[in-house]
N, C-alpha and C. Protein backbone atom coordinates (compact mmCIF):
# COMPACT_ATOMS: atom_id res chain seq x y z
N MET A 1 -5.65 10.76 15.20
CA MET A 1 -5.29 12.17 14.97
C MET A 1 -5.34 12.91 16.30
N THR A 2 -4.26 13.64 16.63
CA THR A 2 -4.21 14.36 17.89
C THR A 2 -5.18 15.54 17.84
N GLY A 3 -5.65 15.96 19.04
CA GLY A 3 -6.52 17.11 19.13
C GLY A 3 -7.99 16.79 19.05
N LEU A 4 -8.37 15.55 18.77
CA LEU A 4 -9.78 15.16 18.70
C LEU A 4 -10.19 14.48 19.99
N ARG A 5 -11.45 14.70 20.39
CA ARG A 5 -11.98 13.96 21.52
C ARG A 5 -12.05 12.47 21.18
N ALA A 6 -12.15 11.65 22.24
CA ALA A 6 -12.16 10.20 22.03
C ALA A 6 -13.30 9.78 21.12
N ASP A 7 -14.51 10.35 21.31
CA ASP A 7 -15.64 9.96 20.47
C ASP A 7 -15.45 10.43 19.03
N ALA A 8 -14.83 11.60 18.86
CA ALA A 8 -14.57 12.10 17.51
C ALA A 8 -13.53 11.23 16.80
N ARG A 9 -12.51 10.77 17.54
CA ARG A 9 -11.51 9.88 16.96
C ARG A 9 -12.16 8.56 16.53
N ARG A 10 -13.04 8.04 17.39
CA ARG A 10 -13.72 6.77 17.05
C ARG A 10 -14.55 6.94 15.80
N ASN A 11 -15.30 8.04 15.71
CA ASN A 11 -16.12 8.28 14.51
C ASN A 11 -15.25 8.40 13.26
N ARG A 12 -14.12 9.09 13.39
CA ARG A 12 -13.23 9.24 12.24
C ARG A 12 -12.70 7.88 11.80
N GLU A 13 -12.29 7.06 12.76
CA GLU A 13 -11.77 5.73 12.43
C GLU A 13 -12.85 4.86 11.78
N LYS A 14 -14.10 4.96 12.28
CA LYS A 14 -15.19 4.18 11.69
C LYS A 14 -15.47 4.63 10.26
N ILE A 15 -15.42 5.95 10.03
CA ILE A 15 -15.66 6.46 8.67
C ILE A 15 -14.55 6.00 7.73
N LEU A 16 -13.30 6.07 8.16
CA LEU A 16 -12.19 5.63 7.32
C LEU A 16 -12.29 4.13 7.02
N ALA A 17 -12.66 3.34 8.03
CA ALA A 17 -12.80 1.89 7.82
C ALA A 17 -13.91 1.61 6.82
N ALA A 18 -15.03 2.31 6.95
CA ALA A 18 -16.15 2.12 6.02
C ALA A 18 -15.76 2.57 4.62
N ALA A 19 -15.03 3.68 4.52
CA ALA A 19 -14.59 4.17 3.21
C ALA A 19 -13.67 3.15 2.55
N ARG A 20 -12.74 2.58 3.30
CA ARG A 20 -11.85 1.57 2.72
C ARG A 20 -12.64 0.39 2.17
N GLU A 21 -13.60 -0.08 2.95
CA GLU A 21 -14.41 -1.22 2.52
C GLU A 21 -15.17 -0.91 1.24
N LEU A 22 -15.85 0.24 1.23
CA LEU A 22 -16.70 0.57 0.08
C LEU A 22 -15.89 1.00 -1.13
N PHE A 23 -14.75 1.65 -0.92
CA PHE A 23 -13.87 1.95 -2.05
C PHE A 23 -13.42 0.65 -2.71
N ARG A 24 -13.11 -0.35 -1.87
CA ARG A 24 -12.66 -1.63 -2.40
C ARG A 24 -13.79 -2.33 -3.14
N GLU A 25 -15.01 -2.23 -2.62
CA GLU A 25 -16.15 -2.93 -3.21
C GLU A 25 -16.71 -2.22 -4.44
N GLN A 26 -16.78 -0.87 -4.38
CA GLN A 26 -17.52 -0.14 -5.41
C GLN A 26 -16.72 0.97 -6.10
N GLY A 27 -15.51 1.24 -5.64
CA GLY A 27 -14.74 2.34 -6.19
C GLY A 27 -14.96 3.62 -5.41
N THR A 28 -14.14 4.63 -5.72
CA THR A 28 -14.16 5.86 -4.93
C THR A 28 -15.34 6.77 -5.26
N ALA A 29 -16.15 6.42 -6.26
CA ALA A 29 -17.34 7.22 -6.58
C ALA A 29 -18.55 6.81 -5.74
N VAL A 30 -18.37 5.88 -4.81
CA VAL A 30 -19.48 5.42 -3.98
C VAL A 30 -20.11 6.62 -3.25
N ALA A 31 -21.42 6.55 -3.03
CA ALA A 31 -22.12 7.65 -2.37
C ALA A 31 -21.61 7.84 -0.94
N LEU A 32 -21.39 9.10 -0.56
CA LEU A 32 -20.94 9.38 0.81
C LEU A 32 -21.99 8.99 1.83
N ASP A 33 -23.27 9.06 1.45
CA ASP A 33 -24.33 8.59 2.34
C ASP A 33 -24.13 7.11 2.68
N ASP A 34 -23.72 6.31 1.69
CA ASP A 34 -23.50 4.89 1.93
C ASP A 34 -22.32 4.67 2.88
N ILE A 35 -21.29 5.50 2.75
CA ILE A 35 -20.15 5.38 3.67
C ILE A 35 -20.57 5.71 5.09
N ALA A 36 -21.34 6.79 5.26
CA ALA A 36 -21.82 7.15 6.59
C ALA A 36 -22.67 6.04 7.18
N ARG A 37 -23.55 5.45 6.34
CA ARG A 37 -24.42 4.37 6.81
C ARG A 37 -23.59 3.16 7.23
N ARG A 38 -22.59 2.80 6.43
CA ARG A 38 -21.74 1.66 6.76
C ARG A 38 -20.98 1.92 8.07
N ALA A 39 -20.59 3.19 8.27
CA ALA A 39 -19.84 3.55 9.48
C ALA A 39 -20.72 3.66 10.71
N GLY A 40 -22.04 3.73 10.50
CA GLY A 40 -22.96 3.87 11.63
C GLY A 40 -23.00 5.28 12.19
N VAL A 41 -22.75 6.27 11.31
CA VAL A 41 -22.81 7.68 11.75
C VAL A 41 -23.72 8.44 10.80
N GLY A 42 -24.12 9.63 11.21
CA GLY A 42 -24.92 10.48 10.34
C GLY A 42 -24.05 11.15 9.29
N ILE A 43 -24.67 11.57 8.20
CA ILE A 43 -23.91 12.21 7.13
C ILE A 43 -23.29 13.53 7.62
N GLY A 44 -23.96 14.19 8.57
CA GLY A 44 -23.39 15.42 9.14
C GLY A 44 -22.08 15.16 9.86
N THR A 45 -22.01 14.01 10.56
CA THR A 45 -20.77 13.64 11.24
C THR A 45 -19.66 13.40 10.24
N LEU A 46 -19.99 12.73 9.12
CA LEU A 46 -18.98 12.51 8.08
C LEU A 46 -18.45 13.84 7.56
N TYR A 47 -19.36 14.78 7.26
CA TYR A 47 -18.92 16.06 6.69
C TYR A 47 -18.15 16.90 7.69
N ARG A 48 -18.40 16.72 8.99
CA ARG A 48 -17.59 17.45 9.98
C ARG A 48 -16.15 16.96 9.98
N ARG A 49 -15.96 15.68 9.73
CA ARG A 49 -14.60 15.11 9.70
C ARG A 49 -13.94 15.30 8.33
N PHE A 50 -14.77 15.19 7.26
CA PHE A 50 -14.26 15.23 5.89
C PHE A 50 -15.19 16.12 5.07
N PRO A 51 -14.76 17.34 4.76
CA PRO A 51 -15.68 18.30 4.12
C PRO A 51 -16.14 17.92 2.72
N ASP A 52 -15.37 17.05 2.03
CA ASP A 52 -15.80 16.62 0.71
C ASP A 52 -15.16 15.27 0.38
N ARG A 53 -15.51 14.71 -0.77
CA ARG A 53 -15.01 13.39 -1.18
C ARG A 53 -13.49 13.38 -1.29
N ASP A 54 -12.92 14.46 -1.86
CA ASP A 54 -11.47 14.51 -2.03
C ASP A 54 -10.74 14.43 -0.70
N ALA A 55 -11.29 15.09 0.32
CA ALA A 55 -10.66 15.05 1.64
C ALA A 55 -10.68 13.63 2.20
N LEU A 56 -11.77 12.91 1.99
CA LEU A 56 -11.86 11.53 2.47
C LEU A 56 -10.90 10.62 1.71
N ILE A 57 -10.87 10.77 0.40
CA ILE A 57 -9.95 9.97 -0.41
C ILE A 57 -8.50 10.23 0.01
N THR A 58 -8.17 11.51 0.23
CA THR A 58 -6.81 11.86 0.64
C THR A 58 -6.44 11.21 1.96
N ASP A 59 -7.36 11.22 2.93
CA ASP A 59 -7.03 10.64 4.23
C ASP A 59 -6.92 9.12 4.16
N VAL A 60 -7.73 8.48 3.32
CA VAL A 60 -7.58 7.04 3.12
C VAL A 60 -6.21 6.75 2.50
N ALA A 61 -5.81 7.57 1.53
CA ALA A 61 -4.50 7.39 0.91
C ALA A 61 -3.37 7.62 1.91
N LEU A 62 -3.47 8.68 2.70
CA LEU A 62 -2.44 8.96 3.70
C LEU A 62 -2.30 7.81 4.67
N GLU A 63 -3.42 7.31 5.16
CA GLU A 63 -3.39 6.19 6.09
C GLU A 63 -2.70 4.98 5.47
N GLY A 64 -3.00 4.71 4.20
CA GLY A 64 -2.40 3.57 3.53
C GLY A 64 -0.91 3.72 3.34
N PHE A 65 -0.47 4.89 2.87
CA PHE A 65 0.96 5.10 2.65
C PHE A 65 1.73 5.14 3.97
N GLU A 66 1.12 5.68 5.03
CA GLU A 66 1.76 5.64 6.35
C GLU A 66 1.96 4.20 6.80
N THR A 67 0.97 3.35 6.53
CA THR A 67 1.08 1.94 6.87
C THR A 67 2.21 1.28 6.11
N VAL A 68 2.30 1.55 4.81
CA VAL A 68 3.36 0.94 3.99
C VAL A 68 4.73 1.38 4.48
N LEU A 69 4.91 2.67 4.75
CA LEU A 69 6.21 3.15 5.22
C LEU A 69 6.58 2.50 6.55
N ALA A 70 5.61 2.37 7.46
CA ALA A 70 5.89 1.71 8.74
C ALA A 70 6.29 0.26 8.53
N VAL A 71 5.65 -0.41 7.57
CA VAL A 71 5.99 -1.81 7.26
C VAL A 71 7.44 -1.91 6.78
N VAL A 72 7.83 -1.04 5.85
CA VAL A 72 9.19 -1.09 5.31
C VAL A 72 10.21 -0.79 6.41
N GLU A 73 9.93 0.21 7.23
CA GLU A 73 10.86 0.57 8.30
C GLU A 73 10.99 -0.56 9.32
N ALA A 74 9.87 -1.20 9.66
CA ALA A 74 9.92 -2.30 10.63
C ALA A 74 10.69 -3.49 10.07
N ALA A 75 10.48 -3.78 8.79
CA ALA A 75 11.20 -4.90 8.16
C ALA A 75 12.69 -4.63 8.13
N ARG A 76 13.09 -3.40 7.82
CA ARG A 76 14.52 -3.06 7.79
C ARG A 76 15.12 -3.13 9.19
N ALA A 77 14.36 -2.72 10.19
CA ALA A 77 14.87 -2.75 11.56
C ALA A 77 15.13 -4.18 12.02
N GLY A 78 14.39 -5.14 11.45
CA GLY A 78 14.57 -6.54 11.82
C GLY A 78 15.85 -7.14 11.28
N GLY A 79 16.46 -6.51 10.27
CA GLY A 79 17.73 -6.98 9.72
C GLY A 79 17.57 -8.31 8.99
N GLY A 80 18.72 -8.99 8.80
CA GLY A 80 18.70 -10.31 8.17
C GLY A 80 19.06 -10.32 6.71
N GLY A 81 19.50 -9.19 6.14
CA GLY A 81 19.88 -9.16 4.74
C GLY A 81 18.73 -8.72 3.86
N ALA A 82 19.07 -8.30 2.65
CA ALA A 82 18.09 -7.68 1.76
C ALA A 82 16.94 -8.61 1.40
N VAL A 83 17.23 -9.86 1.08
CA VAL A 83 16.16 -10.79 0.69
C VAL A 83 15.21 -11.02 1.86
N ALA A 84 15.78 -11.19 3.06
CA ALA A 84 14.93 -11.38 4.25
C ALA A 84 14.07 -10.14 4.50
N VAL A 85 14.65 -8.96 4.30
CA VAL A 85 13.90 -7.72 4.50
C VAL A 85 12.74 -7.64 3.51
N LEU A 86 13.01 -7.93 2.24
CA LEU A 86 11.94 -7.87 1.24
C LEU A 86 10.87 -8.91 1.53
N GLY A 87 11.27 -10.09 1.95
CA GLY A 87 10.28 -11.10 2.32
C GLY A 87 9.39 -10.63 3.44
N GLU A 88 9.98 -9.96 4.42
CA GLU A 88 9.18 -9.44 5.54
C GLU A 88 8.29 -8.30 5.10
N VAL A 89 8.79 -7.45 4.21
CA VAL A 89 7.96 -6.36 3.67
C VAL A 89 6.72 -6.93 3.00
N PHE A 90 6.91 -7.92 2.12
CA PHE A 90 5.77 -8.51 1.42
C PHE A 90 4.81 -9.18 2.40
N ARG A 91 5.35 -9.91 3.38
CA ARG A 91 4.49 -10.60 4.34
C ARG A 91 3.62 -9.60 5.09
N ARG A 92 4.24 -8.52 5.55
CA ARG A 92 3.49 -7.53 6.33
C ARG A 92 2.50 -6.76 5.46
N VAL A 93 2.88 -6.47 4.22
CA VAL A 93 1.96 -5.76 3.32
C VAL A 93 0.72 -6.61 3.06
N VAL A 94 0.91 -7.90 2.79
CA VAL A 94 -0.24 -8.78 2.56
C VAL A 94 -1.11 -8.84 3.82
N GLU A 95 -0.49 -8.89 4.99
CA GLU A 95 -1.24 -8.90 6.24
C GLU A 95 -2.09 -7.65 6.38
N GLN A 96 -1.55 -6.51 5.97
CA GLN A 96 -2.22 -5.21 6.15
C GLN A 96 -3.02 -4.78 4.93
N ARG A 97 -3.27 -5.68 3.98
CA ARG A 97 -3.84 -5.28 2.70
C ARG A 97 -5.20 -4.60 2.82
N ASP A 98 -5.97 -4.87 3.86
CA ASP A 98 -7.26 -4.21 4.01
C ASP A 98 -7.12 -2.71 4.25
N ARG A 99 -5.95 -2.28 4.72
CA ARG A 99 -5.72 -0.86 4.98
C ARG A 99 -5.08 -0.14 3.80
N LEU A 100 -4.81 -0.88 2.73
CA LEU A 100 -4.00 -0.33 1.64
C LEU A 100 -4.80 -0.14 0.36
N VAL A 101 -6.05 0.25 0.49
CA VAL A 101 -6.92 0.37 -0.68
C VAL A 101 -6.34 1.34 -1.70
N MET A 102 -5.92 2.52 -1.25
CA MET A 102 -5.48 3.54 -2.19
C MET A 102 -4.07 3.29 -2.73
N PRO A 103 -3.09 3.02 -1.88
CA PRO A 103 -1.76 2.86 -2.47
C PRO A 103 -1.56 1.59 -3.26
N LEU A 104 -2.28 0.52 -2.92
CA LEU A 104 -1.96 -0.76 -3.54
C LEU A 104 -3.09 -1.36 -4.37
N VAL A 105 -4.32 -1.05 -4.04
CA VAL A 105 -5.43 -1.71 -4.73
C VAL A 105 -6.07 -0.79 -5.76
N GLY A 106 -5.77 0.49 -5.72
CA GLY A 106 -6.24 1.35 -6.79
C GLY A 106 -7.02 2.55 -6.30
N GLY A 107 -7.19 3.50 -7.18
CA GLY A 107 -7.89 4.72 -6.86
C GLY A 107 -7.27 5.87 -7.63
N PRO A 108 -7.86 7.05 -7.56
CA PRO A 108 -7.31 8.18 -8.29
C PRO A 108 -5.96 8.59 -7.73
N VAL A 109 -5.13 9.21 -8.56
CA VAL A 109 -3.85 9.74 -8.09
C VAL A 109 -4.13 10.91 -7.15
N VAL A 110 -3.60 10.83 -5.94
CA VAL A 110 -3.79 11.89 -4.95
C VAL A 110 -2.54 12.76 -4.96
N ARG A 111 -2.71 14.04 -5.23
CA ARG A 111 -1.56 14.92 -5.42
C ARG A 111 -1.27 15.77 -4.18
N ASP A 112 -1.79 15.36 -3.06
CA ASP A 112 -1.51 16.05 -1.80
C ASP A 112 -0.01 15.95 -1.49
N PRO A 113 0.65 17.04 -1.10
CA PRO A 113 2.09 16.98 -0.83
C PRO A 113 2.47 16.00 0.27
N ARG A 114 1.56 15.76 1.23
CA ARG A 114 1.87 14.79 2.28
C ARG A 114 1.94 13.38 1.70
N VAL A 115 1.07 13.08 0.75
CA VAL A 115 1.10 11.78 0.08
C VAL A 115 2.38 11.65 -0.72
N ARG A 116 2.76 12.71 -1.46
CA ARG A 116 3.98 12.66 -2.27
C ARG A 116 5.20 12.41 -1.38
N LYS A 117 5.23 13.06 -0.23
CA LYS A 117 6.36 12.89 0.69
C LYS A 117 6.46 11.44 1.15
N LEU A 118 5.33 10.84 1.48
CA LEU A 118 5.32 9.43 1.91
C LEU A 118 5.74 8.51 0.76
N GLN A 119 5.24 8.78 -0.44
CA GLN A 119 5.62 7.96 -1.60
C GLN A 119 7.12 7.99 -1.82
N ARG A 120 7.70 9.18 -1.74
CA ARG A 120 9.14 9.30 -1.96
C ARG A 120 9.91 8.56 -0.86
N ALA A 121 9.43 8.66 0.37
CA ALA A 121 10.11 7.98 1.48
C ALA A 121 10.06 6.46 1.30
N ILE A 122 8.92 5.94 0.85
CA ILE A 122 8.78 4.49 0.63
C ILE A 122 9.71 4.05 -0.49
N LEU A 123 9.67 4.76 -1.62
CA LEU A 123 10.51 4.38 -2.75
C LEU A 123 11.99 4.49 -2.40
N GLY A 124 12.36 5.54 -1.66
CA GLY A 124 13.75 5.70 -1.25
C GLY A 124 14.22 4.57 -0.36
N ALA A 125 13.38 4.18 0.60
CA ALA A 125 13.75 3.08 1.50
C ALA A 125 13.88 1.76 0.74
N LEU A 126 12.97 1.52 -0.20
CA LEU A 126 13.05 0.28 -0.98
C LEU A 126 14.28 0.27 -1.89
N GLU A 127 14.62 1.41 -2.47
CA GLU A 127 15.81 1.48 -3.31
C GLU A 127 17.07 1.20 -2.48
N GLU A 128 17.08 1.64 -1.23
CA GLU A 128 18.23 1.36 -0.36
C GLU A 128 18.35 -0.14 -0.10
N VAL A 129 17.21 -0.79 0.12
CA VAL A 129 17.24 -2.25 0.31
C VAL A 129 17.76 -2.94 -0.95
N LEU A 130 17.28 -2.49 -2.11
CA LEU A 130 17.74 -3.08 -3.37
C LEU A 130 19.24 -2.87 -3.55
N ALA A 131 19.73 -1.68 -3.22
CA ALA A 131 21.17 -1.42 -3.35
C ALA A 131 21.97 -2.34 -2.44
N GLU A 132 21.48 -2.55 -1.22
CA GLU A 132 22.16 -3.47 -0.30
C GLU A 132 22.18 -4.89 -0.87
N GLY A 133 21.06 -5.29 -1.47
CA GLY A 133 21.00 -6.63 -2.05
C GLY A 133 21.93 -6.81 -3.23
N ARG A 134 22.06 -5.75 -4.03
CA ARG A 134 23.01 -5.83 -5.15
C ARG A 134 24.44 -5.94 -4.64
N ASP A 135 24.74 -5.16 -3.59
CA ASP A 135 26.08 -5.22 -3.02
C ASP A 135 26.37 -6.61 -2.43
N GLU A 136 25.31 -7.25 -1.89
CA GLU A 136 25.47 -8.60 -1.34
C GLU A 136 25.55 -9.66 -2.44
N GLY A 137 25.20 -9.27 -3.68
CA GLY A 137 25.19 -10.22 -4.78
C GLY A 137 24.00 -11.14 -4.79
N VAL A 138 22.89 -10.74 -4.10
CA VAL A 138 21.73 -11.63 -3.99
C VAL A 138 20.52 -11.10 -4.75
N LEU A 139 20.59 -9.87 -5.29
CA LEU A 139 19.48 -9.30 -6.04
C LEU A 139 19.97 -8.84 -7.42
N ARG A 140 19.13 -9.07 -8.42
CA ARG A 140 19.48 -8.67 -9.78
C ARG A 140 19.53 -7.14 -9.87
N ALA A 141 20.26 -6.65 -10.87
CA ALA A 141 20.54 -5.22 -10.96
C ALA A 141 19.41 -4.41 -11.57
N ASP A 142 18.47 -5.05 -12.29
CA ASP A 142 17.49 -4.28 -13.05
C ASP A 142 16.13 -4.15 -12.38
N ILE A 143 16.03 -4.53 -11.11
CA ILE A 143 14.78 -4.37 -10.36
C ILE A 143 14.74 -2.98 -9.74
N THR A 144 13.58 -2.34 -9.80
CA THR A 144 13.41 -1.02 -9.20
C THR A 144 12.39 -1.09 -8.06
N ALA A 145 12.34 -0.02 -7.29
CA ALA A 145 11.35 0.07 -6.23
C ALA A 145 9.93 0.03 -6.79
N PHE A 146 9.73 0.61 -7.98
CA PHE A 146 8.40 0.55 -8.60
C PHE A 146 8.01 -0.89 -8.92
N ASP A 147 8.98 -1.73 -9.30
CA ASP A 147 8.69 -3.14 -9.53
C ASP A 147 8.18 -3.80 -8.25
N LEU A 148 8.82 -3.48 -7.14
CA LEU A 148 8.41 -4.05 -5.85
C LEU A 148 6.99 -3.61 -5.49
N VAL A 149 6.71 -2.33 -5.68
CA VAL A 149 5.37 -1.82 -5.35
C VAL A 149 4.32 -2.49 -6.24
N GLY A 150 4.62 -2.65 -7.54
CA GLY A 150 3.67 -3.31 -8.43
C GLY A 150 3.43 -4.76 -8.04
N ALA A 151 4.49 -5.47 -7.65
CA ALA A 151 4.33 -6.86 -7.24
C ALA A 151 3.51 -6.95 -5.95
N ALA A 152 3.74 -6.02 -5.03
CA ALA A 152 2.96 -6.01 -3.79
C ALA A 152 1.49 -5.76 -4.07
N ALA A 153 1.21 -4.85 -5.02
CA ALA A 153 -0.18 -4.57 -5.38
C ALA A 153 -0.86 -5.81 -5.92
N MET A 154 -0.16 -6.56 -6.76
CA MET A 154 -0.75 -7.79 -7.31
C MET A 154 -0.95 -8.85 -6.24
N ALA A 155 0.00 -8.95 -5.31
CA ALA A 155 -0.14 -9.93 -4.22
C ALA A 155 -1.32 -9.59 -3.32
N CYS A 156 -1.65 -8.31 -3.25
CA CYS A 156 -2.76 -7.87 -2.39
C CYS A 156 -4.12 -7.98 -3.07
N ARG A 157 -4.14 -8.44 -4.32
CA ARG A 157 -5.40 -8.59 -5.05
C ARG A 157 -5.62 -10.06 -5.36
N PRO A 158 -6.09 -10.83 -4.38
CA PRO A 158 -6.28 -12.27 -4.63
C PRO A 158 -7.42 -12.53 -5.59
N MET A 159 -7.49 -13.77 -6.07
CA MET A 159 -8.59 -14.15 -6.96
C MET A 159 -9.92 -13.97 -6.24
N PRO A 160 -10.94 -13.51 -6.97
CA PRO A 160 -12.24 -13.27 -6.30
C PRO A 160 -12.86 -14.56 -5.78
N HIS A 161 -13.67 -14.40 -4.74
CA HIS A 161 -14.50 -15.47 -4.17
C HIS A 161 -13.70 -16.49 -3.35
N LEU A 162 -12.39 -16.27 -3.19
CA LEU A 162 -11.63 -17.18 -2.34
C LEU A 162 -11.84 -16.80 -0.87
N PRO A 163 -11.94 -17.79 0.04
CA PRO A 163 -11.95 -17.47 1.47
C PRO A 163 -10.66 -16.75 1.85
N ARG A 164 -10.71 -15.96 2.91
CA ARG A 164 -9.55 -15.15 3.28
C ARG A 164 -8.31 -16.03 3.53
N GLU A 165 -8.47 -17.16 4.18
CA GLU A 165 -7.33 -18.02 4.47
C GLU A 165 -6.69 -18.52 3.18
N ALA A 166 -7.52 -18.94 2.23
CA ALA A 166 -6.98 -19.43 0.96
C ALA A 166 -6.33 -18.29 0.18
N ALA A 167 -6.93 -17.10 0.24
CA ALA A 167 -6.34 -15.95 -0.46
C ALA A 167 -4.98 -15.61 0.12
N GLY A 168 -4.86 -15.68 1.44
CA GLY A 168 -3.58 -15.41 2.07
C GLY A 168 -2.52 -16.41 1.68
N ALA A 169 -2.89 -17.69 1.61
CA ALA A 169 -1.94 -18.74 1.22
C ALA A 169 -1.49 -18.55 -0.23
N LEU A 170 -2.43 -18.19 -1.11
CA LEU A 170 -2.08 -17.96 -2.51
C LEU A 170 -1.15 -16.76 -2.64
N ALA A 171 -1.43 -15.69 -1.89
CA ALA A 171 -0.56 -14.52 -1.92
C ALA A 171 0.85 -14.88 -1.46
N ALA A 172 0.95 -15.71 -0.43
CA ALA A 172 2.27 -16.12 0.06
C ALA A 172 3.04 -16.88 -1.01
N ARG A 173 2.36 -17.73 -1.77
CA ARG A 173 3.02 -18.45 -2.86
C ARG A 173 3.48 -17.49 -3.96
N HIS A 174 2.63 -16.53 -4.31
CA HIS A 174 3.01 -15.55 -5.33
C HIS A 174 4.25 -14.77 -4.89
N VAL A 175 4.28 -14.38 -3.61
CA VAL A 175 5.43 -13.65 -3.09
C VAL A 175 6.69 -14.50 -3.16
N ALA A 176 6.58 -15.79 -2.79
CA ALA A 176 7.75 -16.67 -2.83
C ALA A 176 8.29 -16.81 -4.25
N VAL A 177 7.40 -16.95 -5.22
CA VAL A 177 7.82 -17.04 -6.63
C VAL A 177 8.50 -15.75 -7.05
N TYR A 178 7.92 -14.61 -6.66
CA TYR A 178 8.48 -13.32 -7.04
C TYR A 178 9.87 -13.13 -6.43
N LEU A 179 10.01 -13.43 -5.15
CA LEU A 179 11.31 -13.26 -4.50
C LEU A 179 12.36 -14.15 -5.16
N HIS A 180 11.98 -15.35 -5.56
CA HIS A 180 12.91 -16.22 -6.26
C HIS A 180 13.37 -15.56 -7.56
N GLY A 181 12.45 -14.87 -8.23
CA GLY A 181 12.77 -14.21 -9.50
C GLY A 181 13.68 -13.00 -9.35
N LEU A 182 13.89 -12.54 -8.11
CA LEU A 182 14.79 -11.41 -7.90
C LEU A 182 16.26 -11.84 -7.87
N ARG A 183 16.51 -13.14 -7.85
CA ARG A 183 17.89 -13.61 -7.80
C ARG A 183 18.62 -13.26 -9.10
N PRO A 184 19.91 -12.92 -8.99
CA PRO A 184 20.62 -12.48 -10.20
C PRO A 184 21.09 -13.60 -11.11
N HIS A 185 21.27 -14.80 -10.60
CA HIS A 185 21.90 -15.86 -11.38
C HIS A 185 20.91 -16.49 -12.35
N GLY A 186 21.24 -16.47 -13.64
CA GLY A 186 20.39 -17.08 -14.65
C GLY A 186 19.16 -16.28 -15.00
N ALA A 187 19.08 -15.02 -14.52
CA ALA A 187 17.89 -14.20 -14.75
C ALA A 187 17.84 -13.72 -16.20
N LEU A 188 16.65 -13.75 -16.78
CA LEU A 188 16.44 -13.17 -18.10
C LEU A 188 16.28 -11.66 -17.97
N ALA A 189 16.70 -10.93 -18.99
CA ALA A 189 16.57 -9.47 -18.97
C ALA A 189 15.10 -9.07 -18.95
N LEU A 190 14.79 -8.01 -18.22
CA LEU A 190 13.43 -7.50 -18.15
C LEU A 190 13.14 -6.58 -19.32
N PRO A 191 11.88 -6.51 -19.76
CA PRO A 191 11.51 -5.52 -20.80
C PRO A 191 11.72 -4.10 -20.27
N ASP A 192 11.91 -3.16 -21.18
CA ASP A 192 12.04 -1.75 -20.79
C ASP A 192 10.73 -1.26 -20.20
N MET A 193 10.82 -0.28 -19.30
CA MET A 193 9.63 0.29 -18.69
C MET A 193 9.81 1.79 -18.53
N VAL A 194 8.79 2.56 -18.86
CA VAL A 194 8.80 3.99 -18.59
C VAL A 194 8.66 4.18 -17.08
N ASP A 195 9.40 5.08 -16.52
CA ASP A 195 9.37 5.31 -15.08
C ASP A 195 7.99 5.84 -14.66
N PRO A 196 7.23 5.08 -13.83
CA PRO A 196 5.91 5.57 -13.41
C PRO A 196 5.99 6.85 -12.61
N GLY A 197 7.15 7.12 -12.02
CA GLY A 197 7.29 8.35 -11.24
C GLY A 197 7.05 9.61 -12.06
N GLU A 198 7.30 9.52 -13.35
CA GLU A 198 7.05 10.68 -14.22
C GLU A 198 5.56 11.03 -14.24
N TYR A 199 4.72 10.00 -14.18
CA TYR A 199 3.27 10.22 -14.22
C TYR A 199 2.73 10.63 -12.86
N LEU A 200 3.43 10.19 -11.80
CA LEU A 200 2.98 10.50 -10.45
C LEU A 200 3.58 11.80 -9.93
N GLY A 201 4.44 12.41 -10.73
CA GLY A 201 5.08 13.66 -10.30
C GLY A 201 6.16 13.46 -9.27
N LEU A 202 6.77 12.26 -9.25
CA LEU A 202 7.79 11.96 -8.24
C LEU A 202 9.19 12.01 -8.82
N GLY A 203 9.31 12.30 -10.11
CA GLY A 203 10.62 12.32 -10.75
C GLY A 203 11.47 13.51 -10.34
């Protein structure tokens, strides 16, 4: 974040890293004292950076959605067709899964307008990739950006107690199976789904 001294930036980054870890381990109701302790800072330092729990949750969410948008944009910049782009999106998302606690692994709905703007940008970019794939004849017509986000969330939640290397390999297999299922030829029709955007206020 611009405008902060180097030591203040470091403390903020440590608090966010600790919050991500503890949100993943215990949920967002974890004690703020525990987050400060995990970050190696005093509780006063935490409150100077984040005046309350909602502010901390919002910044963790913002960081996660900014990461996802950067992943999608980088994958699109690499080119190679829609399927290759989606494969790269999934690969990079799984790589960055430790930073994606709020957007992909769970947490309360954050209604901050900055979060909504990022969500819309991500969904819009993914829908453009899907449209390109349909035009290329390589992606089925009934897949939505919300389907992609849901699949990424599941790929980022490996089976418990697996070593990180094994979890990464399993996630890669799940992604490969999912990408194969996006092909249009011989695909079975998908069940109907209510648009999640209605619940997130993105409609």
